[in-house]
Amino acid sequence: MLTLLLVGAIIIVGYILLRIYVVNGPRTPSEFLPQNLKNKNIVITGASNGIGRFTAIELFKKQARVILACRNEEKTKQMIRDILNECKNVKNCGTLEFVKLNLDDLESVKDCSVEILKKVDHVDVLINNAGSLSGDIKYNSKYECEEMVFSNAIAHHLLIELLWSNMENNPNGSRIVVVASNAHQFVSENDFYQSSTKTHSMKQYYGLSKLCNIYQTFHFHEERISKSKHANITINCCHPGAIRTGLMSSNQMPLVFKIVFSLIELLFFKNVEQGSQNTLHLACSSSVNGISGQYFHDCHIAQPSSLTFNKQLQNEFISITNEIIKPYLQ
């Protein structure tokens, strides 16, 4: 009996300590976050819910002009109305604006970039936050690519390319924040080479898309920023942590899986406020001024998997991506 009580106590204490560690992870110190982002133009993809929504609210409260690049116009505009109502007693907020962005369609990505540059003369921060996690493995025959890899990585790559010149020439300096994930650790080299066989699991394709997010971060830093004599732009990626974002409940997962995962989320995952700390840190903290080409976790530089440093795979991803997006850069 005593042994059972001891084991039970150890389990309870272990759970409490784990929850404290997972949920209350490091935050960017408030002294490094500007209280006023007036005249800053910030673009966030996938900002209608989850981390993106909370990030948008925080930047809006700091007087930034926040452009929400999202797929669902009705949902996003309703969200804007809700935020304005929530913040009606907050003085000196910024603005929230909607721009249509469908990451499943590169023509939409191009149109989005055009609309953004019509609205603002410069983009100070681009936050590639949108992420698809689908229970159904879908293959995009038009672009010959699995849809999670396409929308999470390739479409965002095009958006970076289309806004690059504007951001690079911003006299005040610009930042690109890529929301990646530790899910990239689920991927092996064989998964990369066999990604067109349509035999991967949802976890593998999602992890592959996040690996590609890291590859694009390293690529833009190494091939553009490091080689430029007058680099006025930085790019970093981050793992937001295990977050209760609703990403799983929005897909076509079996009901039993959703129930089990919801319980795990409730017990161990961070909420969106806690999960947005990495994004906010990289978007506006003075402590990361001049830092580029890094992978962040819990507001600190972290070490991604060894596969992220595989130059051959990185080059292959970039080559494939460039071939797909080439017609939309003209």
C-alpha atoms as a PDB file:
ATOM      1  CA  MET A   1       0.000   0.000   0.000  1.00  0.00           C
ATOM      2  CA  LEU A   2       2.791   2.372   0.945  1.00  0.00           C
ATOM      3  CA  THR A   3       4.526   1.584  -2.341  1.00  0.00           C
ATOM      4  CA  LEU A   4       1.391   2.439  -4.323  1.00  0.00           C
ATOM      5  CA  LEU A   5       1.023   5.728  -2.463  1.00  0.00           C
ATOM      6  CA  LEU A   6       4.670   6.554  -3.119  1.00  0.00           C
ATOM      7  CA  VAL A   7       4.345   5.753  -6.824  1.00  0.00           C
ATOM      8  CA  GLY A   8       1.160   7.816  -7.001  1.00  0.00           C
ATOM      9  CA  ALA A   9       2.860  10.750  -5.286  1.00  0.00           C
ATOM     10  CA  ILE A  10       5.808  10.555  -7.678  1.00  0.00           C
ATOM     11  CA  ILE A  11       3.453  10.526 -10.675  1.00  0.00           C
ATOM     12  CA  ILE A  12       1.502  13.528  -9.376  1.00  0.00           C
ATOM     13  CA  VAL A  13       4.634  15.535  -8.561  1.00  0.00           C
ATOM     14  CA  GLY A  14       6.138  14.568 -11.906  1.00  0.00           C
ATOM     15  CA  TYR A  15       3.023  15.724 -13.730  1.00  0.00           C
ATOM     16  CA  ILE A  16       2.968  19.038 -11.855  1.00  0.00           C
ATOM     17  CA  LEU A  17       6.641  19.705 -12.597  1.00  0.00           C
ATOM     18  CA  LEU A  18       6.217  18.732 -16.244  1.00  0.00           C
ATOM     19  CA  ARG A  19       3.189  20.973 -16.613  1.00  0.00           C
ATOM     20  CA  ILE A  20       5.014  23.887 -15.008  1.00  0.00           C
ATOM     21  CA  TYR A  21       7.923  23.374 -17.418  1.00  0.00           C
ATOM     22  CA  VAL A  22       5.825  22.884 -20.547  1.00  0.00           C
ATOM     23  CA  VAL A  23       3.196  25.532 -19.898  1.00  0.00           C
ATOM     24  CA  ASN A  24       5.176  28.242 -18.151  1.00  0.00           C
ATOM     25  CA  GLY A  25       8.123  28.274 -20.514  1.00  0.00           C
ATOM     26  CA  PRO A  26      10.380  31.297 -20.870  1.00  0.00           C
ATOM     27  CA  ARG A  27       8.900  34.506 -22.220  1.00  0.00           C
ATOM     28  CA  THR A  28      10.627  37.397 -23.871  1.00  0.00           C
ATOM     29  CA  PRO A  29      11.448  39.909 -21.089  1.00  0.00           C
ATOM     30  CA  SER A  30       9.049  42.854 -21.194  1.00  0.00           C
ATOM     31  CA  GLU A  31      11.922  45.341 -21.228  1.00  0.00           C
ATOM     32  CA  PHE A  32      12.936  44.021 -24.655  1.00  0.00           C
ATOM     33  CA  LEU A  33       9.445  44.401 -26.134  1.00  0.00           C
ATOM     34  CA  PRO A  34       8.616  47.883 -27.415  1.00  0.00           C
ATOM     35  CA  GLN A  35       5.449  49.336 -25.977  1.00  0.00           C
ATOM     36  CA  ASN A  36       4.844  51.399 -29.094  1.00  0.00           C
ATOM     37  CA  LEU A  37       4.904  49.931 -32.597  1.00  0.00           C
ATOM     38  CA  LYS A  38       3.288  52.945 -34.224  1.00  0.00           C
ATOM     39  CA  ASN A  39       4.138  53.233 -37.940  1.00  0.00           C
ATOM     40  CA  LYS A  40       5.161  49.563 -38.036  1.00  0.00           C
ATOM     41  CA  ASN A  41       3.504  47.511 -40.775  1.00  0.00           C
ATOM     42  CA  ILE A  42       3.202  43.854 -39.798  1.00  0.00           C
ATOM     43  CA  VAL A  43       1.805  41.062 -41.979  1.00  0.00           C
ATOM     44  CA  ILE A  44       0.600  37.826 -40.343  1.00  0.00           C
ATOM     45  CA  THR A  45      -0.582  34.799 -42.308  1.00  0.00           C
ATOM     46  CA  GLY A  46      -3.210  32.551 -40.768  1.00  0.00           C
ATOM     47  CA  ALA A  47      -4.177  35.100 -38.135  1.00  0.00           C
ATOM     48  CA  SER A  48      -7.869  34.266 -37.784  1.00  0.00           C
ATOM     49  CA  ASN A  49      -7.343  31.879 -34.860  1.00  0.00           C
ATOM     50  CA  GLY A  50      -4.796  30.294 -32.535  1.00  0.00           C
ATOM     51  CA  ILE A  51      -1.349  31.789 -32.122  1.00  0.00           C
ATOM     52  CA  GLY A  52      -1.835  34.112 -35.076  1.00  0.00           C
ATOM     53  CA  ARG A  53      -4.930  35.694 -33.557  1.00  0.00           C
ATOM     54  CA  PHE A  54      -3.293  36.333 -30.186  1.00  0.00           C
ATOM     55  CA  THR A  55      -0.153  37.670 -31.882  1.00  0.00           C
ATOM     56  CA  ALA A  56      -2.285  40.055 -33.931  1.00  0.00           C
ATOM     57  CA  ILE A  57      -4.066  41.332 -30.816  1.00  0.00           C
ATOM     58  CA  GLU A  58      -0.812  42.003 -28.957  1.00  0.00           C
ATOM     59  CA  LEU A  59       0.707  43.867 -31.906  1.00  0.00           C
ATOM     60  CA  PHE A  60      -2.543  45.790 -32.440  1.00  0.00           C
ATOM     61  CA  LYS A  61      -2.471  46.893 -28.788  1.00  0.00           C
ATOM     62  CA  LYS A  62       1.045  48.217 -29.373  1.00  0.00           C
ATOM     63  CA  GLN A  63      -0.281  50.491 -32.162  1.00  0.00           C
ATOM     64  CA  ALA A  64       1.035  48.484 -35.106  1.00  0.00           C
ATOM     65  CA  ARG A  65      -0.749  48.400 -38.435  1.00  0.00           C
ATOM     66  CA  VAL A  66      -1.523  44.686 -38.655  1.00  0.00           C
ATOM     67  CA  ILE A  67      -2.441  43.094 -41.974  1.00  0.00           C
ATOM     68  CA  LEU A  68      -4.173  39.747 -41.563  1.00  0.00           C
ATOM     69  CA  ALA A  69      -3.474  37.560 -44.593  1.00  0.00           C
ATOM     70  CA  CYS A  70      -6.120  34.850 -44.306  1.00  0.00           C
ATOM     71  CA  ARG A  71      -8.239  32.506 -46.407  1.00  0.00           C
ATOM     72  CA  ASN A  72     -11.706  33.119 -44.940  1.00  0.00           C
ATOM     73  CA  GLU A  73     -12.781  36.735 -45.399  1.00  0.00           C
ATOM     74  CA  GLU A  74     -16.032  36.499 -43.422  1.00  0.00           C
ATOM     75  CA  LYS A  75     -14.374  34.766 -40.461  1.00  0.00           C
ATOM     76  CA  THR A  76     -11.436  37.181 -40.402  1.00  0.00           C
ATOM     77  CA  LYS A  77     -13.578  40.315 -40.626  1.00  0.00           C
ATOM     78  CA  GLN A  78     -15.762  38.998 -37.813  1.00  0.00           C
ATOM     79  CA  MET A  79     -12.601  38.398 -35.794  1.00  0.00           C
ATOM     80  CA  ILE A  80     -11.540  41.997 -36.441  1.00  0.00           C
ATOM     81  CA  ARG A  81     -14.907  43.230 -35.159  1.00  0.00           C
ATOM     82  CA  ASP A  82     -14.565  41.016 -32.084  1.00  0.00           C
ATOM     83  CA  ILE A  83     -11.061  42.313 -31.340  1.00  0.00           C
ATOM     84  CA  LEU A  84     -12.148  45.932 -31.747  1.00  0.00           C
ATOM     85  CA  ASN A  85     -14.947  45.265 -29.273  1.00  0.00           C
ATOM     86  CA  GLU A  86     -12.606  43.482 -26.833  1.00  0.00           C
ATOM     87  CA  CYS A  87     -10.122  46.353 -26.994  1.00  0.00           C
ATOM     88  CA  LYS A  88     -12.593  49.248 -26.990  1.00  0.00           C
ATOM     89  CA  ASN A  89     -11.258  50.446 -23.626  1.00  0.00           C
ATOM     90  CA  VAL A  90      -7.611  50.147 -24.673  1.00  0.00           C
ATOM     91  CA  LYS A  91      -6.192  53.522 -25.636  1.00  0.00           C
ATOM     92  CA  ASN A  92      -4.088  54.186 -28.725  1.00  0.00           C
ATOM     93  CA  CYS A  93      -4.396  50.884 -30.553  1.00  0.00           C
ATOM     94  CA  GLY A  94      -3.254  50.337 -34.112  1.00  0.00           C
ATOM     95  CA  THR A  95      -5.283  49.037 -37.054  1.00  0.00           C
ATOM     96  CA  LEU A  96      -6.371  45.613 -38.291  1.00  0.00           C
ATOM     97  CA  GLU A  97      -6.885  44.953 -42.000  1.00  0.00           C
ATOM     98  CA  PHE A  98      -7.837  41.893 -44.022  1.00  0.00           C
ATOM     99  CA  VAL A  99      -6.088  40.673 -47.169  1.00  0.00           C
ATOM    100  CA  LYS A 100      -7.191  37.520 -48.971  1.00  0.00           C
ATOM    101  CA  LEU A 101      -4.632  34.696 -48.956  1.00  0.00           C
ATOM    102  CA  ASN A 102      -5.261  31.121 -50.053  1.00  0.00           C
ATOM    103  CA  LEU A 103      -2.031  29.193 -49.566  1.00  0.00           C
ATOM    104  CA  ASP A 104      -3.316  26.346 -51.731  1.00  0.00           C
ATOM    105  CA  ASP A 105      -3.163  28.633 -54.769  1.00  0.00           C
ATOM    106  CA  LEU A 106       0.013  30.452 -55.841  1.00  0.00           C
ATOM    107  CA  GLU A 107      -1.993  32.954 -57.880  1.00  0.00           C
ATOM    108  CA  SER A 108      -3.694  33.963 -54.633  1.00  0.00           C
ATOM    109  CA  VAL A 109      -0.288  34.332 -52.952  1.00  0.00           C
ATOM    110  CA  LYS A 110       0.831  36.657 -55.733  1.00  0.00           C
ATOM    111  CA  ASP A 111      -2.398  38.669 -55.545  1.00  0.00           C
ATOM    112  CA  CYS A 112      -1.972  38.918 -51.775  1.00  0.00           C
ATOM    113  CA  SER A 113       1.510  40.404 -52.124  1.00  0.00           C
ATOM    114  CA  VAL A 114       0.191  42.962 -54.611  1.00  0.00           C
ATOM    115  CA  GLU A 115      -2.604  43.989 -52.238  1.00  0.00           C
ATOM    116  CA  ILE A 116      -0.189  44.270 -49.311  1.00  0.00           C
ATOM    117  CA  LEU A 117       2.120  46.573 -51.250  1.00  0.00           C
ATOM    118  CA  LYS A 118      -0.858  48.692 -52.306  1.00  0.00           C
ATOM    119  CA  LYS A 119      -1.710  49.222 -48.657  1.00  0.00           C
ATOM    120  CA  VAL A 120       1.769  49.974 -47.294  1.00  0.00           C
ATOM    121  CA  ASP A 121       4.968  51.447 -48.695  1.00  0.00           C
ATOM    122  CA  HIS A 122       7.077  49.051 -46.651  1.00  0.00           C
ATOM    123  CA  VAL A 123       6.663  45.830 -44.672  1.00  0.00           C
ATOM    124  CA  ASP A 124       8.482  45.879 -41.339  1.00  0.00           C
ATOM    125  CA  VAL A 125       7.643  42.356 -40.197  1.00  0.00           C
ATOM    126  CA  LEU A 126       6.333  39.317 -42.069  1.00  0.00           C
ATOM    127  CA  ILE A 127       5.111  36.503 -39.816  1.00  0.00           C
ATOM    128  CA  ASN A 128       4.540  33.256 -41.708  1.00  0.00           C
ATOM    129  CA  ASN A 129       2.246  31.746 -39.122  1.00  0.00           C
ATOM    130  CA  ALA A 130      -0.368  29.835 -41.134  1.00  0.00           C
ATOM    131  CA  GLY A 131      -0.097  26.077 -40.839  1.00  0.00           C
ATOM    132  CA  SER A 132      -2.199  23.248 -42.203  1.00  0.00           C
ATOM    133  CA  LEU A 133      -2.471  19.916 -40.377  1.00  0.00           C
ATOM    134  CA  SER A 134      -4.886  17.684 -42.237  1.00  0.00           C
ATOM    135  CA  GLY A 135      -6.103  14.217 -41.335  1.00  0.00           C
ATOM    136  CA  ASP A 136      -6.552  13.452 -45.018  1.00  0.00           C
ATOM    137  CA  ILE A 137      -3.416  13.105 -47.104  1.00  0.00           C
ATOM    138  CA  LYS A 138      -4.126  15.171 -50.196  1.00  0.00           C
ATOM    139  CA  TYR A 139      -1.901  15.388 -53.229  1.00  0.00           C
ATOM    140  CA  ASN A 140      -2.030  18.595 -55.262  1.00  0.00           C
ATOM    141  CA  SER A 141      -1.882  17.348 -58.835  1.00  0.00           C
ATOM    142  CA  LYS A 142      -1.546  20.871 -60.252  1.00  0.00           C
ATOM    143  CA  TYR A 143       1.725  21.496 -58.427  1.00  0.00           C
ATOM    144  CA  GLU A 144       2.654  17.810 -57.975  1.00  0.00           C
ATOM    145  CA  CYS A 145       3.105  18.167 -54.242  1.00  0.00           C
ATOM    146  CA  GLU A 146       1.450  17.018 -51.017  1.00  0.00           C
ATOM    147  CA  GLU A 147      -0.822  19.824 -49.825  1.00  0.00           C
ATOM    148  CA  MET A 148       0.602  20.304 -46.310  1.00  0.00           C
ATOM    149  CA  VAL A 149       4.127  20.679 -47.695  1.00  0.00           C
ATOM    150  CA  PHE A 150       2.790  22.955 -50.403  1.00  0.00           C
ATOM    151  CA  SER A 151       0.770  25.365 -48.249  1.00  0.00           C
ATOM    152  CA  ASN A 152       3.005  25.349 -45.158  1.00  0.00           C
ATOM    153  CA  ALA A 153       6.320  25.729 -46.962  1.00  0.00           C
ATOM    154  CA  ILE A 154       6.258  26.316 -50.726  1.00  0.00           C
ATOM    155  CA  ALA A 155       3.464  28.912 -50.808  1.00  0.00           C
ATOM    156  CA  HIS A 156       5.067  30.810 -47.919  1.00  0.00           C
ATOM    157  CA  HIS A 157       8.373  30.672 -49.798  1.00  0.00           C
ATOM    158  CA  LEU A 158       6.732  32.482 -52.710  1.00  0.00           C
ATOM    159  CA  LEU A 159       5.306  35.124 -50.360  1.00  0.00           C
ATOM    160  CA  ILE A 160       8.783  35.785 -48.971  1.00  0.00           C
ATOM    161  CA  GLU A 161      10.181  36.119 -52.493  1.00  0.00           C
ATOM    162  CA  LEU A 162       7.439  38.532 -53.569  1.00  0.00           C
ATOM    163  CA  LEU A 163       7.955  40.797 -50.543  1.00  0.00           C
ATOM    164  CA  TRP A 164      11.730  40.405 -50.307  1.00  0.00           C
ATOM    165  CA  SER A 165      12.780  43.434 -52.340  1.00  0.00           C
ATOM    166  CA  ASN A 166      10.430  45.722 -50.429  1.00  0.00           C
ATOM    167  CA  MET A 167      11.596  44.428 -47.058  1.00  0.00           C
ATOM    168  CA  GLU A 168      15.282  44.373 -47.968  1.00  0.00           C
ATOM    169  CA  ASN A 169      15.115  48.041 -48.946  1.00  0.00           C
ATOM    170  CA  ASN A 170      13.264  49.140 -45.828  1.00  0.00           C
ATOM    171  CA  PRO A 171      15.519  51.838 -44.302  1.00  0.00           C
ATOM    172  CA  ASN A 172      14.309  50.885 -40.830  1.00  0.00           C
ATOM    173  CA  GLY A 173      15.147  47.212 -41.301  1.00  0.00           C
ATOM    174  CA  SER A 174      12.725  44.311 -41.628  1.00  0.00           C
ATOM    175  CA  ARG A 175      12.191  40.930 -40.010  1.00  0.00           C
ATOM    176  CA  ILE A 176      10.769  37.655 -41.279  1.00  0.00           C
ATOM    177  CA  VAL A 177       9.469  35.174 -38.712  1.00  0.00           C
ATOM    178  CA  VAL A 178       8.794  31.609 -39.858  1.00  0.00           C
ATOM    179  CA  VAL A 179       6.709  29.492 -37.495  1.00  0.00           C
ATOM    180  CA  ALA A 180       8.222  26.015 -37.788  1.00  0.00           C
ATOM    181  CA  SER A 181       7.899  23.150 -35.296  1.00  0.00           C
ATOM    182  CA  ASN A 182       9.800  20.436 -33.486  1.00  0.00           C
ATOM    183  CA  ALA A 183       7.672  18.116 -35.626  1.00  0.00           C
ATOM    184  CA  HIS A 184      10.534  18.347 -38.130  1.00  0.00           C
ATOM    185  CA  GLN A 185      12.284  15.793 -35.908  1.00  0.00           C
ATOM    186  CA  PHE A 186       9.760  13.159 -37.014  1.00  0.00           C
ATOM    187  CA  VAL A 187      11.276  13.153 -40.504  1.00  0.00           C
ATOM    188  CA  SER A 188      14.108  11.013 -41.868  1.00  0.00           C
ATOM    189  CA  GLU A 189      16.186  11.486 -44.998  1.00  0.00           C
ATOM    190  CA  ASN A 190      14.229   8.685 -46.669  1.00  0.00           C
ATOM    191  CA  ASP A 191      10.979  10.521 -45.941  1.00  0.00           C
ATOM    192  CA  PHE A 192      12.285  13.487 -47.902  1.00  0.00           C
ATOM    193  CA  TYR A 193      13.191  11.450 -50.959  1.00  0.00           C
ATOM    194  CA  GLN A 194       9.989   9.400 -50.851  1.00  0.00           C
ATOM    195  CA  SER A 195       7.639  12.347 -50.299  1.00  0.00           C
ATOM    196  CA  SER A 196       6.084  11.944 -53.756  1.00  0.00           C
ATOM    197  CA  THR A 197       5.057   8.314 -53.213  1.00  0.00           C
ATOM    198  CA  LYS A 198       1.835   9.286 -51.388  1.00  0.00           C
ATOM    199  CA  THR A 199       2.526   6.664 -48.712  1.00  0.00           C
ATOM    200  CA  HIS A 200       3.515   8.933 -45.821  1.00  0.00           C
ATOM    201  CA  SER A 201       1.454   9.438 -42.693  1.00  0.00           C
ATOM    202  CA  MET A 202      -0.035  12.776 -41.699  1.00  0.00           C
ATOM    203  CA  LYS A 203       2.716  13.148 -39.076  1.00  0.00           C
ATOM    204  CA  GLN A 204       5.454  12.610 -41.665  1.00  0.00           C
ATOM    205  CA  TYR A 205       4.037  15.092 -44.159  1.00  0.00           C
ATOM    206  CA  TYR A 206       3.471  17.721 -41.469  1.00  0.00           C
ATOM    207  CA  GLY A 207       6.976  17.162 -40.120  1.00  0.00           C
ATOM    208  CA  LEU A 208       8.364  17.391 -43.650  1.00  0.00           C
ATOM    209  CA  SER A 209       6.605  20.722 -44.184  1.00  0.00           C
ATOM    210  CA  LYS A 210       8.179  22.064 -40.983  1.00  0.00           C
ATOM    211  CA  LEU A 211      11.605  20.753 -41.996  1.00  0.00           C
ATOM    212  CA  CYS A 212      11.181  22.691 -45.230  1.00  0.00           C
ATOM    213  CA  ASN A 213      10.290  25.824 -43.227  1.00  0.00           C
ATOM    214  CA  ILE A 214      13.672  25.546 -41.531  1.00  0.00           C
ATOM    215  CA  TYR A 215      15.409  24.913 -44.859  1.00  0.00           C
ATOM    216  CA  GLN A 216      13.912  28.082 -46.320  1.00  0.00           C
ATOM    217  CA  THR A 217      14.993  30.076 -43.263  1.00  0.00           C
ATOM    218  CA  PHE A 218      18.569  28.853 -43.580  1.00  0.00           C
ATOM    219  CA  HIS A 219      18.523  29.372 -47.352  1.00  0.00           C
ATOM    220  CA  PHE A 220      17.435  33.016 -47.288  1.00  0.00           C
ATOM    221  CA  HIS A 221      19.926  33.775 -44.543  1.00  0.00           C
ATOM    222  CA  GLU A 222      22.874  31.996 -46.169  1.00  0.00           C
ATOM    223  CA  GLU A 223      22.238  32.910 -49.802  1.00  0.00           C
ATOM    224  CA  ARG A 224      20.796  36.407 -49.455  1.00  0.00           C
ATOM    225  CA  ILE A 225      21.515  38.020 -46.119  1.00  0.00           C
ATOM    226  CA  SER A 226      25.011  36.668 -45.400  1.00  0.00           C
ATOM    227  CA  LYS A 227      26.191  37.495 -48.913  1.00  0.00           C
ATOM    228  CA  SER A 228      24.794  41.012 -48.901  1.00  0.00           C
ATOM    229  CA  LYS A 229      27.050  43.904 -47.966  1.00  0.00           C
ATOM    230  CA  HIS A 230      24.087  45.989 -46.910  1.00  0.00           C
ATOM    231  CA  ALA A 231      21.690  43.460 -45.417  1.00  0.00           C
ATOM    232  CA  ASN A 232      18.810  45.268 -43.773  1.00  0.00           C
ATOM    233  CA  ILE A 233      16.654  42.239 -43.133  1.00  0.00           C
ATOM    234  CA  THR A 234      16.704  39.211 -40.836  1.00  0.00           C
ATOM    235  CA  ILE A 235      14.931  35.866 -40.971  1.00  0.00           C
ATOM    236  CA  ASN A 236      14.496  33.386 -38.129  1.00  0.00           C
ATOM    237  CA  CYS A 237      12.234  30.424 -37.427  1.00  0.00           C
ATOM    238  CA  CYS A 238      10.800  29.069 -34.209  1.00  0.00           C
ATOM    239  CA  HIS A 239       9.078  26.177 -32.485  1.00  0.00           C
ATOM    240  CA  PRO A 240       6.101  27.658 -30.611  1.00  0.00           C
ATOM    241  CA  GLY A 241       5.792  24.655 -28.322  1.00  0.00           C
ATOM    242  CA  ALA A 242       2.932  22.212 -27.942  1.00  0.00           C
ATOM    243  CA  ILE A 243      -0.091  24.495 -28.247  1.00  0.00           C
ATOM    244  CA  ARG A 244      -3.844  24.167 -27.843  1.00  0.00           C
ATOM    245  CA  THR A 245      -4.529  25.865 -31.174  1.00  0.00           C
ATOM    246  CA  GLY A 246      -7.532  23.936 -32.450  1.00  0.00           C
ATOM    247  CA  LEU A 247      -5.472  22.816 -35.424  1.00  0.00           C
ATOM    248  CA  MET A 248      -6.300  19.181 -34.760  1.00  0.00           C
ATOM    249  CA  SER A 249     -10.021  19.704 -34.194  1.00  0.00           C
ATOM    250  CA  SER A 250     -10.370  21.523 -37.504  1.00  0.00           C
ATOM    251  CA  ASN A 251      -9.271  18.574 -39.613  1.00  0.00           C
ATOM    252  CA  GLN A 252     -10.825  15.266 -40.628  1.00  0.00           C
ATOM    253  CA  MET A 253      -9.294  13.127 -37.876  1.00  0.00           C
ATOM    254  CA  PRO A 254     -11.322  10.162 -36.579  1.00  0.00           C
ATOM    255  CA  LEU A 255     -13.483  11.145 -33.584  1.00  0.00           C
ATOM    256  CA  VAL A 256     -11.689   8.823 -31.149  1.00  0.00           C
ATOM    257  CA  PHE A 257      -8.328  10.321 -32.086  1.00  0.00           C
ATOM    258  CA  LYS A 258      -9.701  13.842 -31.583  1.00  0.00           C
ATOM    259  CA  ILE A 259     -11.017  12.970 -28.110  1.00  0.00           C
ATOM    260  CA  VAL A 260      -7.728  11.428 -26.996  1.00  0.00           C
ATOM    261  CA  PHE A 261      -5.703  14.302 -28.413  1.00  0.00           C
ATOM    262  CA  SER A 262      -8.020  16.861 -26.775  1.00  0.00           C
ATOM    263  CA  LEU A 263      -7.318  15.288 -23.368  1.00  0.00           C
ATOM    264  CA  ILE A 264      -3.571  15.400 -23.997  1.00  0.00           C
ATOM    265  CA  GLU A 265      -3.872  19.050 -25.056  1.00  0.00           C
ATOM    266  CA  LEU A 266      -5.806  19.927 -21.916  1.00  0.00           C
ATOM    267  CA  LEU A 267      -3.279  18.291 -19.606  1.00  0.00           C
ATOM    268  CA  PHE A 268       0.038  19.230 -21.149  1.00  0.00           C
ATOM    269  CA  PHE A 269      -0.207  21.851 -23.898  1.00  0.00           C
ATOM    270  CA  LYS A 270       0.305  25.602 -23.697  1.00  0.00           C
ATOM    271  CA  ASN A 271      -2.482  28.039 -24.449  1.00  0.00           C
ATOM    272  CA  VAL A 272      -2.147  30.442 -27.372  1.00  0.00           C
ATOM    273  CA  GLU A 273      -0.882  33.315 -25.208  1.00  0.00           C
ATOM    274  CA  GLN A 274       2.014  31.203 -23.968  1.00  0.00           C
ATOM    275  CA  GLY A 275       2.587  29.762 -27.429  1.00  0.00           C
ATOM    276  CA  SER A 276       2.797  33.168 -29.086  1.00  0.00           C
ATOM    277  CA  GLN A 277       5.815  34.263 -27.033  1.00  0.00           C
ATOM    278  CA  ASN A 278       8.389  33.004 -29.547  1.00  0.00           C
ATOM    279  CA  THR A 279       6.629  34.783 -32.396  1.00  0.00           C
ATOM    280  CA  LEU A 280       6.361  38.076 -30.511  1.00  0.00           C
ATOM    281  CA  HIS A 281       9.972  37.741 -29.393  1.00  0.00           C
ATOM    282  CA  LEU A 282      11.254  37.386 -32.953  1.00  0.00           C
ATOM    283  CA  ALA A 283       8.858  39.974 -34.359  1.00  0.00           C
ATOM    284  CA  CYS A 284       9.717  42.906 -32.138  1.00  0.00           C
ATOM    285  CA  SER A 285      12.147  42.184 -29.292  1.00  0.00           C
ATOM    286  CA  SER A 286      15.256  44.358 -29.276  1.00  0.00           C
ATOM    287  CA  SER A 287      17.232  41.405 -27.908  1.00  0.00           C
ATOM    288  CA  VAL A 288      17.248  39.767 -31.361  1.00  0.00           C
ATOM    289  CA  ASN A 289      18.385  42.824 -33.306  1.00  0.00           C
ATOM    290  CA  GLY A 290      20.783  41.670 -36.028  1.00  0.00           C
ATOM    291  CA  ILE A 291      20.280  37.962 -35.297  1.00  0.00           C
ATOM    292  CA  SER A 292      19.394  35.938 -38.382  1.00  0.00           C
ATOM    293  CA  GLY A 293      19.299  32.376 -39.675  1.00  0.00           C
ATOM    294  CA  GLN A 294      18.499  30.821 -36.291  1.00  0.00           C
ATOM    295  CA  TYR A 295      15.987  28.358 -34.867  1.00  0.00           C
ATOM    296  CA  PHE A 296      14.340  29.520 -31.627  1.00  0.00           C
ATOM    297  CA  HIS A 297      12.517  27.681 -28.852  1.00  0.00           C
ATOM    298  CA  ASP A 298      11.295  29.275 -25.612  1.00  0.00           C
ATOM    299  CA  CYS A 299      12.687  32.641 -26.745  1.00  0.00           C
ATOM    300  CA  HIS A 300      16.240  31.308 -27.034  1.00  0.00           C
ATOM    301  CA  ILE A 301      18.347  30.004 -29.891  1.00  0.00           C
ATOM    302  CA  ALA A 302      17.930  26.224 -30.004  1.00  0.00           C
ATOM    303  CA  GLN A 303      19.434  23.319 -31.909  1.00  0.00           C
ATOM    304  CA  PRO A 304      17.168  21.729 -34.535  1.00  0.00           C
ATOM    305  CA  SER A 305      17.692  18.166 -35.752  1.00  0.00           C
ATOM    306  CA  SER A 306      20.857  17.230 -37.638  1.00  0.00           C
ATOM    307  CA  LEU A 307      18.774  16.768 -40.798  1.00  0.00           C
ATOM    308  CA  THR A 308      18.176  20.525 -40.963  1.00  0.00           C
ATOM    309  CA  PHE A 309      21.893  20.974 -41.694  1.00  0.00           C
ATOM    310  CA  ASN A 310      21.840  18.551 -44.642  1.00  0.00           C
ATOM    311  CA  LYS A 311      22.871  20.921 -47.416  1.00  0.00           C
ATOM    312  CA  GLN A 312      21.969  18.485 -50.181  1.00  0.00           C
ATOM    313  CA  LEU A 313      18.378  18.170 -48.976  1.00  0.00           C
ATOM    314  CA  GLN A 314      18.134  21.918 -48.453  1.00  0.00           C
ATOM    315  CA  ASN A 315      19.310  22.559 -52.012  1.00  0.00           C
ATOM    316  CA  GLU A 316      16.875  19.991 -53.396  1.00  0.00           C
ATOM    317  CA  PHE A 317      13.956  21.597 -51.566  1.00  0.00           C
ATOM    318  CA  ILE A 318      14.960  25.040 -52.821  1.00  0.00           C
ATOM    319  CA  SER A 319      15.407  23.745 -56.367  1.00  0.00           C
ATOM    320  CA  ILE A 320      11.982  22.065 -56.376  1.00  0.00           C
ATOM    321  CA  THR A 321      10.364  25.130 -54.831  1.00  0.00           C
ATOM    322  CA  ASN A 322      11.968  27.554 -57.275  1.00  0.00           C
ATOM    323  CA  GLU A 323      10.743  25.465 -60.196  1.00  0.00           C
ATOM    324  CA  ILE A 324       7.175  25.514 -58.855  1.00  0.00           C
ATOM    325  CA  ILE A 325       7.038  29.228 -58.015  1.00  0.00           C
ATOM    326  CA  LYS A 326       9.012  30.507 -61.018  1.00  0.00           C
ATOM    327  CA  PRO A 327       5.953  31.402 -63.170  1.00  0.00           C
ATOM    328  CA  TYR A 328       4.577  33.558 -60.339  1.00  0.00           C
ATOM    329  CA  LEU A 329       7.700  35.679 -59.966  1.00  0.00           C
ATOM    330  CA  GLN A 330       7.397  37.168 -63.445  1.00  0.00           C
END
